[in-house]
Amino acid sequence: MPVIGILASVSPAPYAPFIAAIKEGLRQTGYVEGRNLAIEYRWAEGQYDRLPQLASELVERGVAVIITVGGGATTTAAKAATATIPIVVVMGDDPVKTGAVAALNRPGGRELVCSRSQWSQNDCNCCMSWRRTSRLSRS
């Protein structure tokens, strides 16, 4: 069963709508948590110094993709933890200004940038884009 990692800088409550949107987007592409997909959650709960360790835990778990939410520090931690696992960057801030990606049209090779509004609107185009580039499509 493929595993997705979600790495967040905050606690779960503020991101409940985004997690629901992620699950809905996955459902629309045929993946349902607990049936044919597992999701590993790592919440830093505002303790940014924990992000590198939490990202490493997801890498050690062997996730197919890491979804980062909660700002540039979250993406930076995920990028530092792995050179091979695709990373989906979900942020409302400018990801170029925060240093999360080099450019929107070419984020850096394995990163895909999705806006919060895409997830909030259950836009599964973003979900399908990273599915094609991750190990999910080969699991």
N, C-alpha and C. Protein backbone atom coordinates (compact mmCIF):
# COMPACT_ATOMS: atom_id res chain seq x y z
N MET A 1 0.85 -1.17 0.00
CA MET A 1 0.00 0.00 0.00
C MET A 1 0.90 1.24 0.00
N PRO A 2 0.71 2.16 -0.94
CA PRO A 2 1.53 3.38 -0.95
C PRO A 2 1.23 4.26 0.26
N VAL A 3 2.22 5.05 0.63
CA VAL A 3 2.11 5.93 1.79
C VAL A 3 2.44 7.36 1.38
N ILE A 4 1.59 8.30 1.78
CA ILE A 4 1.82 9.72 1.59
C ILE A 4 2.20 10.31 2.93
N GLY A 5 3.18 11.21 2.92
CA GLY A 5 3.56 11.91 4.13
C GLY A 5 3.06 13.35 4.09
N ILE A 6 2.49 13.80 5.17
CA ILE A 6 2.08 15.19 5.30
C ILE A 6 2.88 15.80 6.43
N LEU A 7 3.64 16.84 6.08
CA LEU A 7 4.50 17.53 7.04
C LEU A 7 3.96 18.94 7.22
N ALA A 8 3.62 19.29 8.46
CA ALA A 8 3.03 20.60 8.73
C ALA A 8 3.74 21.28 9.89
N SER A 9 3.83 22.60 9.79
CA SER A 9 4.52 23.37 10.83
C SER A 9 3.64 23.66 12.03
N VAL A 10 2.35 23.45 11.89
CA VAL A 10 1.40 23.80 12.95
C VAL A 10 0.72 22.56 13.49
N SER A 11 -0.32 22.77 14.29
CA SER A 11 -1.11 21.66 14.82
C SER A 11 -2.21 21.30 13.82
N PRO A 12 -2.84 20.15 13.97
CA PRO A 12 -3.83 19.68 13.00
C PRO A 12 -5.06 20.57 12.83
N ALA A 13 -5.57 21.16 13.88
CA ALA A 13 -6.86 21.86 13.82
C ALA A 13 -6.94 22.92 12.72
N PRO A 14 -5.98 23.83 12.60
CA PRO A 14 -6.11 24.86 11.57
C PRO A 14 -6.09 24.32 10.14
N TYR A 15 -5.54 23.14 9.95
CA TYR A 15 -5.40 22.59 8.61
C TYR A 15 -6.42 21.50 8.30
N ALA A 16 -7.39 21.31 9.17
CA ALA A 16 -8.42 20.29 8.92
C ALA A 16 -9.09 20.44 7.55
N PRO A 17 -9.47 21.67 7.12
CA PRO A 17 -10.08 21.80 5.79
C PRO A 17 -9.14 21.40 4.66
N PHE A 18 -7.85 21.68 4.80
CA PHE A 18 -6.90 21.31 3.76
C PHE A 18 -6.69 19.80 3.72
N ILE A 19 -6.64 19.18 4.88
CA ILE A 19 -6.49 17.72 4.93
C ILE A 19 -7.72 17.07 4.30
N ALA A 20 -8.89 17.59 4.59
CA ALA A 20 -10.12 17.06 3.98
C ALA A 20 -10.08 17.23 2.46
N ALA A 21 -9.57 18.36 1.99
CA ALA A 21 -9.47 18.60 0.55
C ALA A 21 -8.46 17.66 -0.09
N ILE A 22 -7.34 17.42 0.58
CA ILE A 22 -6.35 16.47 0.07
C ILE A 22 -6.97 15.09 -0.07
N LYS A 23 -7.67 14.66 0.97
CA LYS A 23 -8.31 13.35 0.93
C LYS A 23 -9.36 13.26 -0.17
N GLU A 24 -10.10 14.34 -0.39
CA GLU A 24 -11.11 14.35 -1.44
C GLU A 24 -10.44 14.29 -2.82
N GLY A 25 -9.37 15.05 -2.99
CA GLY A 25 -8.64 14.98 -4.25
C GLY A 25 -8.09 13.60 -4.51
N LEU A 26 -7.57 12.97 -3.49
CA LEU A 26 -7.09 11.58 -3.63
C LEU A 26 -8.23 10.64 -3.97
N ARG A 27 -9.36 10.82 -3.29
CA ARG A 27 -10.52 9.96 -3.56
C ARG A 27 -10.94 10.08 -5.02
N GLN A 28 -10.90 11.30 -5.55
CA GLN A 28 -11.28 11.52 -6.94
C GLN A 28 -10.32 10.83 -7.92
N THR A 29 -9.12 10.56 -7.47
CA THR A 29 -8.16 9.86 -8.33
C THR A 29 -8.06 8.38 -7.99
N GLY A 30 -8.97 7.90 -7.12
CA GLY A 30 -9.04 6.47 -6.84
C GLY A 30 -8.32 6.01 -5.59
N TYR A 31 -7.82 6.92 -4.78
CA TYR A 31 -7.11 6.55 -3.56
C TYR A 31 -7.92 6.92 -2.33
N VAL A 32 -8.09 5.94 -1.43
CA VAL A 32 -8.85 6.17 -0.20
C VAL A 32 -8.00 5.71 0.98
N GLU A 33 -7.80 6.64 1.93
CA GLU A 33 -7.01 6.32 3.11
C GLU A 33 -7.61 5.12 3.83
N GLY A 34 -6.75 4.17 4.14
CA GLY A 34 -7.18 2.97 4.85
C GLY A 34 -7.59 1.84 3.93
N ARG A 35 -7.95 2.14 2.70
CA ARG A 35 -8.34 1.09 1.75
C ARG A 35 -7.17 0.73 0.83
N ASN A 36 -6.64 1.71 0.13
CA ASN A 36 -5.54 1.45 -0.78
C ASN A 36 -4.43 2.50 -0.66
N LEU A 37 -4.44 3.21 0.45
CA LEU A 37 -3.47 4.28 0.69
C LEU A 37 -3.35 4.52 2.19
N ALA A 38 -2.12 4.77 2.63
CA ALA A 38 -1.89 5.18 4.02
C ALA A 38 -1.37 6.61 4.00
N ILE A 39 -1.72 7.37 5.03
CA ILE A 39 -1.22 8.73 5.17
C ILE A 39 -0.54 8.85 6.53
N GLU A 40 0.71 9.28 6.51
CA GLU A 40 1.47 9.53 7.73
C GLU A 40 1.49 11.03 7.97
N TYR A 41 1.08 11.46 9.14
CA TYR A 41 1.02 12.88 9.48
C TYR A 41 2.13 13.21 10.46
N ARG A 42 2.78 14.35 10.23
CA ARG A 42 3.77 14.86 11.18
C ARG A 42 3.45 16.34 11.40
N TRP A 43 3.14 16.69 12.64
CA TRP A 43 2.73 18.04 13.01
C TRP A 43 3.78 18.63 13.95
N ALA A 44 4.40 19.74 13.56
CA ALA A 44 5.42 20.38 14.39
C ALA A 44 4.80 21.21 15.51
N GLU A 45 3.52 21.55 15.40
CA GLU A 45 2.78 22.30 16.41
C GLU A 45 3.48 23.60 16.78
N GLY A 46 3.98 24.29 15.74
CA GLY A 46 4.63 25.58 15.95
C GLY A 46 6.08 25.51 16.39
N GLN A 47 6.59 24.31 16.60
CA GLN A 47 7.98 24.13 17.02
C GLN A 47 8.82 23.83 15.77
N TYR A 48 9.23 24.89 15.10
CA TYR A 48 9.92 24.78 13.83
C TYR A 48 11.21 23.98 13.91
N ASP A 49 11.85 23.96 15.06
CA ASP A 49 13.08 23.19 15.21
C ASP A 49 12.84 21.69 15.10
N ARG A 50 11.59 21.26 15.21
CA ARG A 50 11.24 19.83 15.08
C ARG A 50 11.09 19.40 13.63
N LEU A 51 10.93 20.36 12.70
CA LEU A 51 10.65 20.02 11.31
C LEU A 51 11.69 19.08 10.67
N PRO A 52 13.00 19.30 10.85
CA PRO A 52 13.96 18.37 10.24
C PRO A 52 13.79 16.93 10.71
N GLN A 53 13.57 16.75 12.01
CA GLN A 53 13.37 15.39 12.54
C GLN A 53 12.09 14.77 11.99
N LEU A 54 11.03 15.54 11.94
CA LEU A 54 9.75 15.03 11.44
C LEU A 54 9.85 14.67 9.96
N ALA A 55 10.55 15.49 9.20
CA ALA A 55 10.74 15.19 7.77
C ALA A 55 11.55 13.91 7.61
N SER A 56 12.58 13.74 8.42
CA SER A 56 13.39 12.52 8.37
C SER A 56 12.58 11.28 8.70
N GLU A 57 11.66 11.41 9.64
CA GLU A 57 10.78 10.28 9.98
C GLU A 57 9.96 9.85 8.77
N LEU A 58 9.46 10.82 8.02
CA LEU A 58 8.67 10.48 6.83
C LEU A 58 9.53 9.79 5.78
N VAL A 59 10.75 10.25 5.61
CA VAL A 59 11.67 9.62 4.66
C VAL A 59 11.96 8.19 5.10
N GLU A 60 12.25 8.00 6.38
CA GLU A 60 12.52 6.66 6.90
C GLU A 60 11.31 5.74 6.74
N ARG A 61 10.13 6.29 6.80
CA ARG A 61 8.89 5.51 6.63
C ARG A 61 8.71 5.06 5.18
N GLY A 62 9.45 5.69 4.27
CA GLY A 62 9.39 5.29 2.87
C GLY A 62 8.19 5.85 2.12
N VAL A 63 7.79 7.07 2.46
CA VAL A 63 6.62 7.66 1.80
C VAL A 63 6.90 7.86 0.31
N ALA A 64 5.83 7.84 -0.49
CA ALA A 64 5.94 8.03 -1.94
C ALA A 64 6.05 9.49 -2.31
N VAL A 65 5.48 10.35 -1.48
CA VAL A 65 5.49 11.79 -1.71
C VAL A 65 5.32 12.48 -0.36
N ILE A 66 5.89 13.69 -0.23
CA ILE A 66 5.70 14.48 0.98
C ILE A 66 4.93 15.74 0.59
N ILE A 67 3.83 15.97 1.27
CA ILE A 67 3.05 17.19 1.09
C ILE A 67 3.42 18.11 2.24
N THR A 68 3.91 19.32 1.92
CA THR A 68 4.28 20.26 2.97
C THR A 68 3.26 21.38 3.06
N VAL A 69 2.87 21.69 4.28
CA VAL A 69 1.94 22.80 4.53
C VAL A 69 2.48 23.62 5.69
N GLY A 70 2.25 24.92 5.63
CA GLY A 70 2.63 25.75 6.76
C GLY A 70 3.85 26.62 6.54
N GLY A 71 4.24 26.86 5.30
CA GLY A 71 5.31 27.82 5.05
C GLY A 71 6.60 27.24 4.53
N GLY A 72 7.50 28.15 4.22
CA GLY A 72 8.76 27.78 3.61
C GLY A 72 9.65 26.89 4.45
N ALA A 73 9.62 27.06 5.77
CA ALA A 73 10.47 26.24 6.64
C ALA A 73 10.11 24.75 6.54
N THR A 74 8.84 24.48 6.33
CA THR A 74 8.39 23.09 6.20
C THR A 74 8.96 22.47 4.93
N THR A 75 8.89 23.22 3.83
CA THR A 75 9.42 22.72 2.56
C THR A 75 10.93 22.59 2.63
N THR A 76 11.59 23.54 3.25
CA THR A 76 13.04 23.48 3.39
C THR A 76 13.46 22.22 4.15
N ALA A 77 12.74 21.89 5.21
CA ALA A 77 13.04 20.68 5.99
C ALA A 77 12.85 19.43 5.15
N ALA A 78 11.78 19.38 4.37
CA ALA A 78 11.52 18.21 3.53
C ALA A 78 12.60 18.07 2.46
N LYS A 79 12.97 19.18 1.84
CA LYS A 79 14.01 19.14 0.80
C LYS A 79 15.35 18.71 1.37
N ALA A 80 15.64 19.10 2.60
CA ALA A 80 16.90 18.70 3.23
C ALA A 80 16.92 17.23 3.61
N ALA A 81 15.75 16.66 3.85
CA ALA A 81 15.66 15.27 4.31
C ALA A 81 15.77 14.26 3.18
N THR A 82 15.47 14.68 1.93
CA THR A 82 15.49 13.73 0.82
C THR A 82 15.87 14.42 -0.48
N ALA A 83 16.57 13.67 -1.30
CA ALA A 83 16.92 14.18 -2.64
C ALA A 83 16.12 13.47 -3.71
N THR A 84 15.27 12.52 -3.31
CA THR A 84 14.58 11.69 -4.31
C THR A 84 13.06 11.70 -4.22
N ILE A 85 12.51 11.91 -3.05
CA ILE A 85 11.05 11.85 -2.88
C ILE A 85 10.43 13.14 -3.39
N PRO A 86 9.41 13.05 -4.24
CA PRO A 86 8.73 14.27 -4.70
C PRO A 86 8.07 15.01 -3.54
N ILE A 87 8.06 16.34 -3.65
CA ILE A 87 7.51 17.20 -2.60
C ILE A 87 6.43 18.09 -3.21
N VAL A 88 5.25 18.06 -2.61
CA VAL A 88 4.17 18.95 -3.02
C VAL A 88 4.13 20.09 -2.02
N VAL A 89 4.32 21.30 -2.51
CA VAL A 89 4.37 22.49 -1.67
C VAL A 89 3.00 23.15 -1.70
N VAL A 90 2.32 23.16 -0.56
CA VAL A 90 1.02 23.82 -0.46
C VAL A 90 1.21 25.05 0.43
N MET A 91 1.11 26.23 -0.17
CA MET A 91 1.29 27.43 0.64
C MET A 91 0.55 28.60 0.03
N GLY A 92 0.17 29.51 0.88
CA GLY A 92 -0.49 30.73 0.44
C GLY A 92 0.50 31.84 0.17
N ASP A 93 1.66 31.79 0.83
CA ASP A 93 2.70 32.79 0.61
C ASP A 93 3.37 32.53 -0.73
N ASP A 94 4.15 33.50 -1.18
CA ASP A 94 4.91 33.35 -2.42
C ASP A 94 6.04 32.35 -2.16
N PRO A 95 5.99 31.15 -2.76
CA PRO A 95 7.01 30.14 -2.48
C PRO A 95 8.40 30.52 -2.99
N VAL A 96 8.48 31.41 -3.97
CA VAL A 96 9.78 31.87 -4.45
C VAL A 96 10.40 32.82 -3.42
N LYS A 97 9.60 33.76 -2.91
CA LYS A 97 10.10 34.70 -1.90
C LYS A 97 10.54 33.99 -0.63
N THR A 98 9.84 32.95 -0.23
CA THR A 98 10.19 32.25 1.00
C THR A 98 11.37 31.30 0.81
N GLY A 99 11.77 31.07 -0.46
CA GLY A 99 12.88 30.17 -0.72
C GLY A 99 12.46 28.71 -0.82
N ALA A 100 11.17 28.44 -0.81
CA ALA A 100 10.69 27.06 -0.89
C ALA A 100 11.00 26.45 -2.25
N VAL A 101 10.90 27.25 -3.31
CA VAL A 101 11.22 26.79 -4.67
C VAL A 101 12.01 27.89 -5.38
N ALA A 102 12.73 27.50 -6.43
CA ALA A 102 13.54 28.46 -7.19
C ALA A 102 12.67 29.34 -8.08
N ALA A 103 11.68 28.74 -8.73
CA ALA A 103 10.79 29.47 -9.63
C ALA A 103 9.49 28.70 -9.76
N LEU A 104 8.40 29.37 -10.02
CA LEU A 104 7.11 28.68 -10.14
C LEU A 104 7.05 27.80 -11.39
N ASN A 105 7.61 28.25 -12.50
CA ASN A 105 7.54 27.45 -13.71
C ASN A 105 8.53 26.29 -13.71
N ARG A 106 9.56 26.37 -12.90
CA ARG A 106 10.53 25.29 -12.73
C ARG A 106 10.93 25.27 -11.25
N PRO A 107 10.09 24.69 -10.41
CA PRO A 107 10.31 24.78 -8.97
C PRO A 107 11.61 24.18 -8.47
N GLY A 108 12.19 23.25 -9.19
CA GLY A 108 13.44 22.66 -8.71
C GLY A 108 13.56 21.19 -9.04
N GLY A 109 12.72 20.67 -9.86
CA GLY A 109 12.83 19.29 -10.29
C GLY A 109 11.80 18.38 -9.70
N ARG A 110 11.78 18.23 -8.40
CA ARG A 110 10.85 17.27 -7.80
C ARG A 110 9.76 17.94 -6.98
N GLU A 111 9.76 19.27 -6.95
CA GLU A 111 8.72 19.98 -6.22
C GLU A 111 7.60 20.40 -7.15
N LEU A 112 6.39 20.35 -6.65
CA LEU A 112 5.21 20.83 -7.36
C LEU A 112 4.51 21.80 -6.43
N VAL A 113 4.24 22.99 -6.90
CA VAL A 113 3.61 24.01 -6.06
C VAL A 113 2.11 24.02 -6.31
N CYS A 114 1.34 23.92 -5.24
CA CYS A 114 -0.12 24.00 -5.30
C CYS A 114 -0.54 25.08 -4.31
N SER A 115 -1.45 25.92 -4.74
CA SER A 115 -1.92 26.97 -3.83
C SER A 115 -2.92 26.38 -2.84
N ARG A 116 -3.08 27.07 -1.73
CA ARG A 116 -4.08 26.63 -0.75
C ARG A 116 -5.47 26.61 -1.37
N SER A 117 -5.72 27.57 -2.26
CA SER A 117 -7.06 27.63 -2.86
C SER A 117 -7.32 26.41 -3.74
N GLN A 118 -6.29 25.86 -4.39
CA GLN A 118 -6.50 24.66 -5.18
C GLN A 118 -6.97 23.51 -4.29
N TRP A 119 -6.32 23.35 -3.13
CA TRP A 119 -6.72 22.28 -2.22
C TRP A 119 -8.10 22.57 -1.63
N SER A 120 -8.33 23.83 -1.27
CA SER A 120 -9.60 24.19 -0.65
C SER A 120 -10.77 23.95 -1.59
N GLN A 121 -10.54 24.11 -2.88
CA GLN A 121 -11.61 23.92 -3.86
C GLN A 121 -11.64 22.48 -4.39
N ASN A 122 -10.92 21.59 -3.71
CA ASN A 122 -10.84 20.20 -4.14
C ASN A 122 -10.40 20.07 -5.59
N ASP A 123 -9.44 20.91 -5.98
CA ASP A 123 -8.90 20.87 -7.33
C ASP A 123 -7.96 19.69 -7.42
N CYS A 124 -8.45 18.60 -7.96
CA CYS A 124 -7.62 17.41 -7.99
C CYS A 124 -6.63 17.44 -9.14
N ASN A 125 -6.60 18.48 -9.98
CA ASN A 125 -5.57 18.57 -11.01
C ASN A 125 -4.19 18.58 -10.38
N CYS A 126 -4.05 19.32 -9.29
CA CYS A 126 -2.78 19.35 -8.58
C CYS A 126 -2.47 17.96 -8.04
N CYS A 127 -3.45 17.32 -7.48
CA CYS A 127 -3.30 15.98 -6.94
C CYS A 127 -2.87 15.00 -8.02
N MET A 128 -3.50 15.08 -9.18
CA MET A 128 -3.16 14.17 -10.27
C MET A 128 -1.78 14.47 -10.83
N SER A 129 -1.36 15.73 -10.84
CA SER A 129 -0.04 16.10 -11.36
C SER A 129 1.05 15.45 -10.53
N TRP A 130 0.96 15.54 -9.21
CA TRP A 130 2.02 14.94 -8.41
C TRP A 130 1.90 13.44 -8.37
N ARG A 131 0.71 12.91 -8.56
CA ARG A 131 0.56 11.46 -8.59
C ARG A 131 1.35 10.87 -9.75
N ARG A 132 1.32 11.58 -10.90
CA ARG A 132 2.05 11.09 -12.07
C ARG A 132 3.56 11.08 -11.84
N THR A 133 4.08 11.99 -11.03
CA THR A 133 5.52 12.08 -10.83
C THR A 133 6.01 11.34 -9.60
N SER A 134 5.12 10.84 -8.79
CA SER A 134 5.54 10.17 -7.55
C SER A 134 5.50 8.66 -7.72
N ARG A 135 5.96 7.99 -6.69
CA ARG A 135 5.91 6.53 -6.68
C ARG A 135 4.49 6.01 -6.48
N LEU A 136 3.53 6.89 -6.21
CA LEU A 136 2.14 6.46 -6.08
C LEU A 136 1.68 5.80 -7.36
N SER A 137 2.07 6.37 -8.49
CA SER A 137 1.60 5.86 -9.77
C SER A 137 2.27 4.53 -10.11
N ARG A 138 3.32 4.17 -9.39
CA ARG A 138 4.01 2.92 -9.66
C ARG A 138 3.83 1.88 -8.56
N SER A 139 3.06 2.22 -7.55
CA SER A 139 2.89 1.32 -6.40
C SER A 139 1.77 0.33 -6.66
